[in-house]
Amino acid sequence: MTQEPDVAFLEYVVKALVDHPSDVKVTRVVDEMGVLVTLDVNPGDMGKIIGRTGNTAKAIRTLLRVVGMKNNARVNLKINEPDGGKGTGVSKTVDEMIDSLGV
């Protein structure tokens, strides 16, 4: 089975950024809204994926959408907060926190 181009691209980029590439897990779901790609990484690598003020995550999302457009698909990325993450007691997902930064 060949890997979808969006999943292959995301795995390649993320594994190059993190310290624990074997912990990178990417899942892909297709529905009527398009393609949802979900990313799980080692808790210690979350900062590298999100980047300062969310810039790295935003750039990865932008590039992933370009890969999707090339393949006639609307691709969205969800970054899961890992178990044991540095929770602040606020029940927001990583994506909601990045969006609230307003960048």
PDB file of N, CA and C in Angstrom:
ATOM      1  N   MET A   1       0.843  -1.179   0.000  1.00  0.00           N
ATOM      2  CA  MET A   1       0.000   0.000   0.000  1.00  0.00           C
ATOM      3  C   MET A   1       0.892   1.246   0.000  1.00  0.00           C
ATOM      4  N   THR A   2       0.645   2.150  -0.929  1.00  0.00           N
ATOM      5  CA  THR A   2       1.433   3.378  -0.984  1.00  0.00           C
ATOM      6  C   THR A   2       0.827   4.413  -0.051  1.00  0.00           C
ATOM      7  N   GLN A   3       1.698   5.235   0.471  1.00  0.00           N
ATOM      8  CA  GLN A   3       1.272   6.265   1.408  1.00  0.00           C
ATOM      9  C   GLN A   3       0.741   7.476   0.655  1.00  0.00           C
ATOM     10  N   GLU A   4      -0.284   8.111   1.213  1.00  0.00           N
ATOM     11  CA  GLU A   4      -0.835   9.327   0.610  1.00  0.00           C
ATOM     12  C   GLU A   4       0.228  10.423   0.631  1.00  0.00           C
ATOM     13  N   PRO A   5       0.252  11.291  -0.396  1.00  0.00           N
ATOM     14  CA  PRO A   5       1.287  12.340  -0.460  1.00  0.00           C
ATOM     15  C   PRO A   5       1.273  13.288   0.736  1.00  0.00           C
ATOM     16  N   ASP A   6       0.089  13.627   1.255  1.00  0.00           N
ATOM     17  CA  ASP A   6       0.040  14.542   2.391  1.00  0.00           C
ATOM     18  C   ASP A   6       0.617  13.915   3.654  1.00  0.00           C
ATOM     19  N   VAL A   7       0.335  12.640   3.874  1.00  0.00           N
ATOM     20  CA  VAL A   7       0.867  11.942   5.046  1.00  0.00           C
ATOM     21  C   VAL A   7       2.383  11.780   4.919  1.00  0.00           C
ATOM     22  N   ALA A   8       2.843  11.391   3.743  1.00  0.00           N
ATOM     23  CA  ALA A   8       4.279  11.222   3.519  1.00  0.00           C
ATOM     24  C   ALA A   8       5.017  12.539   3.739  1.00  0.00           C
ATOM     25  N   PHE A   9       4.461  13.639   3.225  1.00  0.00           N
ATOM     26  CA  PHE A   9       5.077  14.952   3.388  1.00  0.00           C
ATOM     27  C   PHE A   9       5.150  15.338   4.867  1.00  0.00           C
ATOM     28  N   LEU A  10       4.022  15.190   5.577  1.00  0.00           N
ATOM     29  CA  LEU A  10       3.986  15.580   6.984  1.00  0.00           C
ATOM     30  C   LEU A  10       4.970  14.756   7.805  1.00  0.00           C
ATOM     31  N   GLU A  11       4.998  13.456   7.589  1.00  0.00           N
ATOM     32  CA  GLU A  11       5.937  12.610   8.334  1.00  0.00           C
ATOM     33  C   GLU A  11       7.379  13.029   8.063  1.00  0.00           C
ATOM     34  N   TYR A  12       7.699  13.297   6.810  1.00  0.00           N
ATOM     35  CA  TYR A  12       9.060  13.689   6.445  1.00  0.00           C
ATOM     36  C   TYR A  12       9.477  14.972   7.159  1.00  0.00           C
ATOM     37  N   VAL A  13       8.622  15.983   7.117  1.00  0.00           N
ATOM     38  CA  VAL A  13       8.942  17.283   7.719  1.00  0.00           C
ATOM     39  C   VAL A  13       9.035  17.165   9.237  1.00  0.00           C
ATOM     40  N   VAL A  14       8.037  16.543   9.854  1.00  0.00           N
ATOM     41  CA  VAL A  14       8.001  16.476  11.313  1.00  0.00           C
ATOM     42  C   VAL A  14       9.150  15.632  11.853  1.00  0.00           C
ATOM     43  N   LYS A  15       9.429  14.502  11.230  1.00  0.00           N
ATOM     44  CA  LYS A  15      10.524  13.649  11.707  1.00  0.00           C
ATOM     45  C   LYS A  15      11.875  14.358  11.603  1.00  0.00           C
ATOM     46  N   ALA A  16      12.002  15.288  10.665  1.00  0.00           N
ATOM     47  CA  ALA A  16      13.248  16.053  10.539  1.00  0.00           C
ATOM     48  C   ALA A  16      13.372  17.107  11.640  1.00  0.00           C
ATOM     49  N   LEU A  17      12.253  17.523  12.229  1.00  0.00           N
ATOM     50  CA  LEU A  17      12.264  18.575  13.248  1.00  0.00           C
ATOM     51  C   LEU A  17      12.426  18.059  14.675  1.00  0.00           C
ATOM     52  N   VAL A  18      11.954  16.861  14.951  1.00  0.00           N
ATOM     53  CA  VAL A  18      11.854  16.382  16.332  1.00  0.00           C
ATOM     54  C   VAL A  18      13.074  15.573  16.768  1.00  0.00           C
ATOM     55  N   ASP A  19      13.193  15.404  18.089  1.00  0.00           N
ATOM     56  CA  ASP A  19      14.270  14.585  18.660  1.00  0.00           C
ATOM     57  C   ASP A  19      13.892  13.113  18.741  1.00  0.00           C
ATOM     58  N   HIS A  20      12.603  12.814  18.694  1.00  0.00           N
ATOM     59  CA  HIS A  20      12.114  11.429  18.806  1.00  0.00           C
ATOM     60  C   HIS A  20      11.279  11.071  17.569  1.00  0.00           C
ATOM     61  N   PRO A  21      11.914  10.888  16.408  1.00  0.00           N
ATOM     62  CA  PRO A  21      11.145  10.612  15.183  1.00  0.00           C
ATOM     63  C   PRO A  21      10.345   9.313  15.224  1.00  0.00           C
ATOM     64  N   SER A  22      10.777   8.358  16.040  1.00  0.00           N
ATOM     65  CA  SER A  22      10.029   7.090  16.099  1.00  0.00           C
ATOM     66  C   SER A  22       8.680   7.263  16.810  1.00  0.00           C
ATOM     67  N   ASP A  23       8.505   8.363  17.553  1.00  0.00           N
ATOM     68  CA  ASP A  23       7.244   8.616  18.253  1.00  0.00           C
ATOM     69  C   ASP A  23       6.228   9.380  17.400  1.00  0.00           C
ATOM     70  N   VAL A  24       6.600   9.772  16.193  1.00  0.00           N
ATOM     71  CA  VAL A  24       5.701  10.533  15.324  1.00  0.00           C
ATOM     72  C   VAL A  24       4.655   9.582  14.735  1.00  0.00           C
ATOM     73  N   LYS A  25       3.385   9.942  14.928  1.00  0.00           N
ATOM     74  CA  LYS A  25       2.291   9.142  14.373  1.00  0.00           C
ATOM     75  C   LYS A  25       1.350  10.073  13.618  1.00  0.00           C
ATOM     76  N   VAL A  26       1.048   9.708  12.393  1.00  0.00           N
ATOM     77  CA  VAL A  26       0.156  10.502  11.554  1.00  0.00           C
ATOM     78  C   VAL A  26      -1.012   9.627  11.138  1.00  0.00           C
ATOM     79  N   THR A  27      -2.233  10.129  11.358  1.00  0.00           N
ATOM     80  CA  THR A  27      -3.421   9.415  10.897  1.00  0.00           C
ATOM     81  C   THR A  27      -4.177  10.324   9.942  1.00  0.00           C
ATOM     82  N   ARG A  28      -4.879   9.707   9.003  1.00  0.00           N
ATOM     83  CA  ARG A  28      -5.572  10.455   7.954  1.00  0.00           C
ATOM     84  C   ARG A  28      -7.004   9.963   7.854  1.00  0.00           C
ATOM     85  N   VAL A  29      -7.959  10.912   7.896  1.00  0.00           N
ATOM     86  CA  VAL A  29      -9.375  10.589   7.781  1.00  0.00           C
ATOM     87  C   VAL A  29      -9.979  11.475   6.700  1.00  0.00           C
ATOM     88  N   VAL A  30     -10.763  10.863   5.811  1.00  0.00           N
ATOM     89  CA  VAL A  30     -11.431  11.607   4.752  1.00  0.00           C
ATOM     90  C   VAL A  30     -12.923  11.623   5.041  1.00  0.00           C
ATOM     91  N   ASP A  31     -13.525  12.822   4.988  1.00  0.00           N
ATOM     92  CA  ASP A  31     -14.972  12.939   5.143  1.00  0.00           C
ATOM     93  C   ASP A  31     -15.493  13.984   4.169  1.00  0.00           C
ATOM     94  N   GLU A  32     -16.744  14.398   4.352  1.00  0.00           N
ATOM     95  CA  GLU A  32     -17.340  15.347   3.406  1.00  0.00           C
ATOM     96  C   GLU A  32     -16.691  16.726   3.471  1.00  0.00           C
ATOM     97  N   MET A  33     -16.002  17.039   4.566  1.00  0.00           N
ATOM     98  CA  MET A  33     -15.326  18.333   4.713  1.00  0.00           C
ATOM     99  C   MET A  33     -13.938  18.347   4.078  1.00  0.00           C
ATOM    100  N   GLY A  34     -13.415  17.181   3.755  1.00  0.00           N
ATOM    101  CA  GLY A  34     -12.074  17.098   3.181  1.00  0.00           C
ATOM    102  C   GLY A  34     -11.248  16.061   3.911  1.00  0.00           C
ATOM    103  N   VAL A  35      -9.965  16.344   4.035  1.00  0.00           N
ATOM    104  CA  VAL A  35      -9.026  15.418   4.657  1.00  0.00           C
ATOM    105  C   VAL A  35      -8.585  16.012   5.993  1.00  0.00           C
ATOM    106  N   LEU A  36      -8.643  15.208   7.043  1.00  0.00           N
ATOM    107  CA  LEU A  36      -8.129  15.619   8.340  1.00  0.00           C
ATOM    108  C   LEU A  36      -6.926  14.746   8.660  1.00  0.00           C
ATOM    109  N   VAL A  37      -5.784  15.382   8.796  1.00  0.00           N
ATOM    110  CA  VAL A  37      -4.556  14.680   9.155  1.00  0.00           C
ATOM    111  C   VAL A  37      -4.264  15.025  10.605  1.00  0.00           C
ATOM    112  N   THR A  38      -4.108  13.999  11.438  1.00  0.00           N
ATOM    113  CA  THR A  38      -3.867  14.193  12.860  1.00  0.00           C
ATOM    114  C   THR A  38      -2.435  13.790  13.185  1.00  0.00           C
ATOM    115  N   LEU A  39      -1.762  14.644  13.951  1.00  0.00           N
ATOM    116  CA  LEU A  39      -0.356  14.444  14.292  1.00  0.00           C
ATOM    117  C   LEU A  39      -0.204  14.216  15.783  1.00  0.00           C
ATOM    118  N   ASP A  40       0.519  13.156  16.138  1.00  0.00           N
ATOM    119  CA  ASP A  40       0.896  12.880  17.527  1.00  0.00           C
ATOM    120  C   ASP A  40       2.412  12.826  17.593  1.00  0.00           C
ATOM    121  N   VAL A  41       2.992  13.512  18.578  1.00  0.00           N
ATOM    122  CA  VAL A  41       4.445  13.499  18.765  1.00  0.00           C
ATOM    123  C   VAL A  41       4.763  13.278  20.233  1.00  0.00           C
ATOM    124  N   ASN A  42       6.026  13.022  20.523  1.00  0.00           N
ATOM    125  CA  ASN A  42       6.518  12.891  21.880  1.00  0.00           C
ATOM    126  C   ASN A  42       6.279  14.204  22.623  1.00  0.00           C
ATOM    127  N   PRO A  43       5.875  14.149  23.901  1.00  0.00           N
ATOM    128  CA  PRO A  43       5.623  15.388  24.650  1.00  0.00           C
ATOM    129  C   PRO A  43       6.803  16.361  24.645  1.00  0.00           C
ATOM    130  N   GLY A  44       8.014  15.845  24.643  1.00  0.00           N
ATOM    131  CA  GLY A  44       9.193  16.704  24.636  1.00  0.00           C
ATOM    132  C   GLY A  44       9.413  17.426  23.318  1.00  0.00           C
ATOM    133  N   ASP A  45       8.731  16.997  22.277  1.00  0.00           N
ATOM    134  CA  ASP A  45       8.905  17.599  20.948  1.00  0.00           C
ATOM    135  C   ASP A  45       7.813  18.609  20.591  1.00  0.00           C
ATOM    136  N   MET A  46       6.842  18.811  21.463  1.00  0.00           N
ATOM    137  CA  MET A  46       5.733  19.708  21.135  1.00  0.00           C
ATOM    138  C   MET A  46       6.214  21.128  20.835  1.00  0.00           C
ATOM    139  N   GLY A  47       7.156  21.619  21.600  1.00  0.00           N
ATOM    140  CA  GLY A  47       7.668  22.972  21.382  1.00  0.00           C
ATOM    141  C   GLY A  47       8.286  23.142  20.015  1.00  0.00           C
ATOM    142  N   LYS A  48       8.960  22.109  19.537  1.00  0.00           N
ATOM    143  CA  LYS A  48       9.586  22.173  18.216  1.00  0.00           C
ATOM    144  C   LYS A  48       8.540  22.188  17.111  1.00  0.00           C
ATOM    145  N   ILE A  49       7.428  21.501  17.313  1.00  0.00           N
ATOM    146  CA  ILE A  49       6.373  21.437  16.306  1.00  0.00           C
ATOM    147  C   ILE A  49       5.555  22.722  16.291  1.00  0.00           C
ATOM    148  N   ILE A  50       5.256  23.252  17.466  1.00  0.00           N
ATOM    149  CA  ILE A  50       4.458  24.475  17.535  1.00  0.00           C
ATOM    150  C   ILE A  50       5.307  25.687  17.177  1.00  0.00           C
ATOM    151  N   GLY A  51       6.511  25.768  17.707  1.00  0.00           N
ATOM    152  CA  GLY A  51       7.386  26.903  17.423  1.00  0.00           C
ATOM    153  C   GLY A  51       7.002  28.129  18.217  1.00  0.00           C
ATOM    154  N   ARG A  52       7.840  29.129  18.121  1.00  0.00           N
ATOM    155  CA  ARG A  52       7.586  30.371  18.855  1.00  0.00           C
ATOM    156  C   ARG A  52       6.327  31.037  18.313  1.00  0.00           C
ATOM    157  N   THR A  53       5.409  31.327  19.188  1.00  0.00           N
ATOM    158  CA  THR A  53       4.096  31.918  18.873  1.00  0.00           C
ATOM    159  C   THR A  53       3.334  31.146  17.789  1.00  0.00           C
ATOM    160  N   GLY A  54       3.604  29.860  17.659  1.00  0.00           N
ATOM    161  CA  GLY A  54       2.846  29.036  16.722  1.00  0.00           C
ATOM    162  C   GLY A  54       3.290  29.121  15.277  1.00  0.00           C
ATOM    163  N   ASN A  55       4.418  29.773  15.020  1.00  0.00           N
ATOM    164  CA  ASN A  55       4.840  29.979  13.636  1.00  0.00           C
ATOM    165  C   ASN A  55       5.194  28.685  12.908  1.00  0.00           C
ATOM    166  N   THR A  56       5.831  27.742  13.582  1.00  0.00           N
ATOM    167  CA  THR A  56       6.193  26.486  12.916  1.00  0.00           C
ATOM    168  C   THR A  56       4.942  25.696  12.553  1.00  0.00           C
ATOM    169  N   ALA A  57       3.999  25.595  13.490  1.00  0.00           N
ATOM    170  CA  ALA A  57       2.750  24.876  13.217  1.00  0.00           C
ATOM    171  C   ALA A  57       1.990  25.533  12.071  1.00  0.00           C
ATOM    172  N   LYS A  58       1.966  26.850  12.057  1.00  0.00           N
ATOM    173  CA  LYS A  58       1.267  27.576  10.993  1.00  0.00           C
ATOM    174  C   LYS A  58       1.926  27.296   9.637  1.00  0.00           C
ATOM    175  N   ALA A  59       3.246  27.284   9.602  1.00  0.00           N
ATOM    176  CA  ALA A  59       3.967  27.014   8.352  1.00  0.00           C
ATOM    177  C   ALA A  59       3.726  25.583   7.868  1.00  0.00           C
ATOM    178  N   ILE A  60       3.730  24.627   8.794  1.00  0.00           N
ATOM    179  CA  ILE A  60       3.464  23.234   8.423  1.00  0.00           C
ATOM    180  C   ILE A  60       2.063  23.108   7.857  1.00  0.00           C
ATOM    181  N   ARG A  61       1.087  23.764   8.492  1.00  0.00           N
ATOM    182  CA  ARG A  61      -0.300  23.724   7.994  1.00  0.00           C
ATOM    183  C   ARG A  61      -0.400  24.306   6.593  1.00  0.00           C
ATOM    184  N   THR A  62       0.276  25.440   6.374  1.00  0.00           N
ATOM    185  CA  THR A  62       0.234  26.084   5.059  1.00  0.00           C
ATOM    186  C   THR A  62       0.807  25.168   3.988  1.00  0.00           C
ATOM    187  N   LEU A  63       1.968  24.580   4.262  1.00  0.00           N
ATOM    188  CA  LEU A  63       2.595  23.684   3.281  1.00  0.00           C
ATOM    189  C   LEU A  63       1.745  22.442   3.043  1.00  0.00           C
ATOM    190  N   LEU A  64       1.126  21.929   4.103  1.00  0.00           N
ATOM    191  CA  LEU A  64       0.272  20.748   3.955  1.00  0.00           C
ATOM    192  C   LEU A  64      -0.945  21.058   3.090  1.00  0.00           C
ATOM    193  N   ARG A  65      -1.500  22.262   3.222  1.00  0.00           N
ATOM    194  CA  ARG A  65      -2.627  22.658   2.370  1.00  0.00           C
ATOM    195  C   ARG A  65      -2.201  22.760   0.910  1.00  0.00           C
ATOM    196  N   VAL A  66      -0.977  23.224   0.669  1.00  0.00           N
ATOM    197  CA  VAL A  66      -0.464  23.305  -0.701  1.00  0.00           C
ATOM    198  C   VAL A  66      -0.332  21.909  -1.296  1.00  0.00           C
ATOM    199  N   VAL A  67       0.195  20.970  -0.513  1.00  0.00           N
ATOM    200  CA  VAL A  67       0.286  19.578  -0.977  1.00  0.00           C
ATOM    201  C   VAL A  67      -1.108  19.055  -1.294  1.00  0.00           C
ATOM    202  N   GLY A  68      -2.080  19.383  -0.452  1.00  0.00           N
ATOM    203  CA  GLY A  68      -3.461  18.955  -0.687  1.00  0.00           C
ATOM    204  C   GLY A  68      -4.038  19.548  -1.956  1.00  0.00           C
ATOM    205  N   MET A  69      -3.806  20.854  -2.165  1.00  0.00           N
ATOM    206  CA  MET A  69      -4.331  21.504  -3.375  1.00  0.00           C
ATOM    207  C   MET A  69      -3.764  20.857  -4.628  1.00  0.00           C
ATOM    208  N   LYS A  70      -2.500  20.484  -4.577  1.00  0.00           N
ATOM    209  CA  LYS A  70      -1.868  19.840  -5.727  1.00  0.00           C
ATOM    210  C   LYS A  70      -2.557  18.506  -6.044  1.00  0.00           C
ATOM    211  N   ASN A  71      -3.126  17.889  -5.026  1.00  0.00           N
ATOM    212  CA  ASN A  71      -3.813  16.609  -5.191  1.00  0.00           C
ATOM    213  C   ASN A  71      -5.333  16.759  -5.113  1.00  0.00           C
ATOM    214  N   ASN A  72      -5.832  17.991  -5.336  1.00  0.00           N
ATOM    215  CA  ASN A  72      -7.273  18.274  -5.356  1.00  0.00           C
ATOM    216  C   ASN A  72      -7.981  17.851  -4.079  1.00  0.00           C
ATOM    217  N   ALA A  73      -7.376  18.160  -2.930  1.00  0.00           N
ATOM    218  CA  ALA A  73      -7.988  17.819  -1.647  1.00  0.00           C
ATOM    219  C   ALA A  73      -7.830  18.992  -0.686  1.00  0.00           C
ATOM    220  N   ARG A  74      -8.835  19.180   0.150  1.00  0.00           N
ATOM    221  CA  ARG A  74      -8.746  20.192   1.213  1.00  0.00           C
ATOM    222  C   ARG A  74      -8.205  19.487   2.448  1.00  0.00           C
ATOM    223  N   VAL A  75      -6.989  19.848   2.848  1.00  0.00           N
ATOM    224  CA  VAL A  75      -6.312  19.156   3.936  1.00  0.00           C
ATOM    225  C   VAL A  75      -6.201  20.076   5.149  1.00  0.00           C
ATOM    226  N   ASN A  76      -6.607  19.563   6.296  1.00  0.00           N
ATOM    227  CA  ASN A  76      -6.454  20.271   7.566  1.00  0.00           C
ATOM    228  C   ASN A  76      -5.596  19.437   8.495  1.00  0.00           C
ATOM    229  N   LEU A  77      -4.844  20.107   9.362  1.00  0.00           N
ATOM    230  CA  LEU A  77      -3.961  19.435  10.309  1.00  0.00           C
ATOM    231  C   LEU A  77      -4.440  19.678  11.730  1.00  0.00           C
ATOM    232  N   LYS A  78      -4.541  18.602  12.491  1.00  0.00           N
ATOM    233  CA  LYS A  78      -4.844  18.686  13.914  1.00  0.00           C
ATOM    234  C   LYS A  78      -3.634  18.145  14.656  1.00  0.00           C
ATOM    235  N   ILE A  79      -3.135  18.925  15.606  1.00  0.00           N
ATOM    236  CA  ILE A  79      -1.997  18.494  16.417  1.00  0.00           C
ATOM    237  C   ILE A  79      -2.542  18.105  17.784  1.00  0.00           C
ATOM    238  N   ASN A  80      -2.409  16.832  18.132  1.00  0.00           N
ATOM    239  CA  ASN A  80      -2.911  16.356  19.414  1.00  0.00           C
ATOM    240  C   ASN A  80      -1.932  16.697  20.519  1.00  0.00           C
ATOM    241  N   GLU A  81      -2.475  17.186  21.638  1.00  0.00           N
ATOM    242  CA  GLU A  81      -1.631  17.404  22.805  1.00  0.00           C
ATOM    243  C   GLU A  81      -1.335  16.040  23.408  1.00  0.00           C
ATOM    244  N   PRO A  82      -0.066  15.727  23.636  1.00  0.00           N
ATOM    245  CA  PRO A  82       0.280  14.393  24.144  1.00  0.00           C
ATOM    246  C   PRO A  82      -0.141  14.207  25.592  1.00  0.00           C
ATOM    247  N   ASP A  83      -0.363  12.948  25.978  1.00  0.00           N
ATOM    248  CA  ASP A  83      -0.646  12.641  27.376  1.00  0.00           C
ATOM    249  C   ASP A  83       0.570  13.047  28.195  1.00  0.00           C
ATOM    250  N   GLY A  84       0.321  13.635  29.331  1.00  0.00           N
ATOM    251  CA  GLY A  84       1.435  14.075  30.163  1.00  0.00           C
ATOM    252  C   GLY A  84       2.011  15.392  29.702  1.00  0.00           C
ATOM    253  N   GLY A  85       1.292  16.087  28.805  1.00  0.00           N
ATOM    254  CA  GLY A  85       1.755  17.387  28.348  1.00  0.00           C
ATOM    255  C   GLY A  85       1.701  18.395  29.479  1.00  0.00           C
ATOM    256  N   LYS A  86       2.281  19.536  29.260  1.00  0.00           N
ATOM    257  CA  LYS A  86       2.335  20.561  30.297  1.00  0.00           C
ATOM    258  C   LYS A  86       1.007  21.292  30.369  1.00  0.00           C
ATOM    259  N   GLY A  87       0.002  20.627  30.896  1.00  0.00           N
ATOM    260  CA  GLY A  87      -1.321  21.219  31.000  1.00  0.00           C
ATOM    261  C   GLY A  87      -1.340  22.364  31.989  1.00  0.00           C
ATOM    262  N   THR A  88      -2.090  23.388  31.699  1.00  0.00           N
ATOM    263  CA  THR A  88      -2.177  24.545  32.584  1.00  0.00           C
ATOM    264  C   THR A  88      -3.510  24.566  33.312  1.00  0.00           C
ATOM    265  N   GLY A  89      -4.257  23.472  33.206  1.00  0.00           N
ATOM    266  CA  GLY A  89      -5.565  23.459  33.815  1.00  0.00           C
ATOM    267  C   GLY A  89      -6.627  24.033  32.896  1.00  0.00           C
ATOM    268  N   VAL A  90      -6.218  24.640  31.801  1.00  0.00           N
ATOM    269  CA  VAL A  90      -7.151  25.204  30.834  1.00  0.00           C
ATOM    270  C   VAL A  90      -7.479  24.105  29.842  1.00  0.00           C
ATOM    271  N   SER A  91      -8.747  23.872  29.595  1.00  0.00           N
ATOM    272  CA  SER A  91      -9.126  22.775  28.711  1.00  0.00           C
ATOM    273  C   SER A  91      -9.241  23.257  27.268  1.00  0.00           C
ATOM    274  N   LYS A  92      -8.096  23.586  26.685  1.00  0.00           N
ATOM    275  CA  LYS A  92      -8.036  23.970  25.283  1.00  0.00           C
ATOM    276  C   LYS A  92      -7.136  22.974  24.564  1.00  0.00           C
ATOM    277  N   THR A  93      -7.463  22.705  23.304  1.00  0.00           N
ATOM    278  CA  THR A  93      -6.578  21.874  22.520  1.00  0.00           C
ATOM    279  C   THR A  93      -5.400  22.723  22.066  1.00  0.00           C
ATOM    280  N   VAL A  94      -4.353  22.076  21.610  1.00  0.00           N
ATOM    281  CA  VAL A  94      -3.190  22.794  21.091  1.00  0.00           C
ATOM    282  C   VAL A  94      -3.620  23.709  19.952  1.00  0.00           C
ATOM    283  N   ASP A  95      -4.498  23.216  19.083  1.00  0.00           N
ATOM    284  CA  ASP A  95      -4.963  24.013  17.948  1.00  0.00           C
ATOM    285  C   ASP A  95      -5.711  25.260  18.417  1.00  0.00           C
ATOM    286  N   GLU A  96      -6.542  25.122  19.448  1.00  0.00           N
ATOM    287  CA  GLU A  96      -7.271  26.276  19.966  1.00  0.00           C
ATOM    288  C   GLU A  96      -6.320  27.309  20.564  1.00  0.00           C
ATOM    289  N   MET A  97      -5.276  26.830  21.239  1.00  0.00           N
ATOM    290  CA  MET A  97      -4.302  27.755  21.809  1.00  0.00           C
ATOM    291  C   MET A  97      -3.558  28.514  20.729  1.00  0.00           C
ATOM    292  N   ILE A  98      -3.176  27.822  19.657  1.00  0.00           N
ATOM    293  CA  ILE A  98      -2.474  28.474  18.551  1.00  0.00           C
ATOM    294  C   ILE A  98      -3.385  29.505  17.887  1.00  0.00           C
ATOM    295  N   ASP A  99      -4.644  29.134  17.672  1.00  0.00           N
ATOM    296  CA  ASP A  99      -5.594  30.064  17.065  1.00  0.00           C
ATOM    297  C   ASP A  99      -5.815  31.292  17.943  1.00  0.00           C
ATOM    298  N   SER A 100      -5.822  31.105  19.264  1.00  0.00           N
ATOM    299  CA  SER A 100      -6.062  32.230  20.164  1.00  0.00           C
ATOM    300  C   SER A 100      -4.896  33.212  20.192  1.00  0.00           C
ATOM    301  N   LEU A 101      -3.732  32.802  19.697  1.00  0.00           N
ATOM    302  CA  LEU A 101      -2.591  33.714  19.634  1.00  0.00           C
ATOM    303  C   LEU A 101      -2.804  34.786  18.577  1.00  0.00           C
ATOM    304  N   GLY A 102      -3.682  34.507  17.625  1.00  0.00           N
ATOM    305  CA  GLY A 102      -4.033  35.496  16.604  1.00  0.00           C
ATOM    306  C   GLY A 102      -2.938  35.761  15.600  1.00  0.00           C
ATOM    307  N   VAL A 103      -2.137  34.751  15.318  1.00  0.00           N
ATOM    308  CA  VAL A 103      -1.074  34.928  14.314  1.00  0.00           C
ATOM    309  C   VAL A 103      -1.491  34.408  12.975  1.00  0.00           C
TER     310      VAL A 103
END
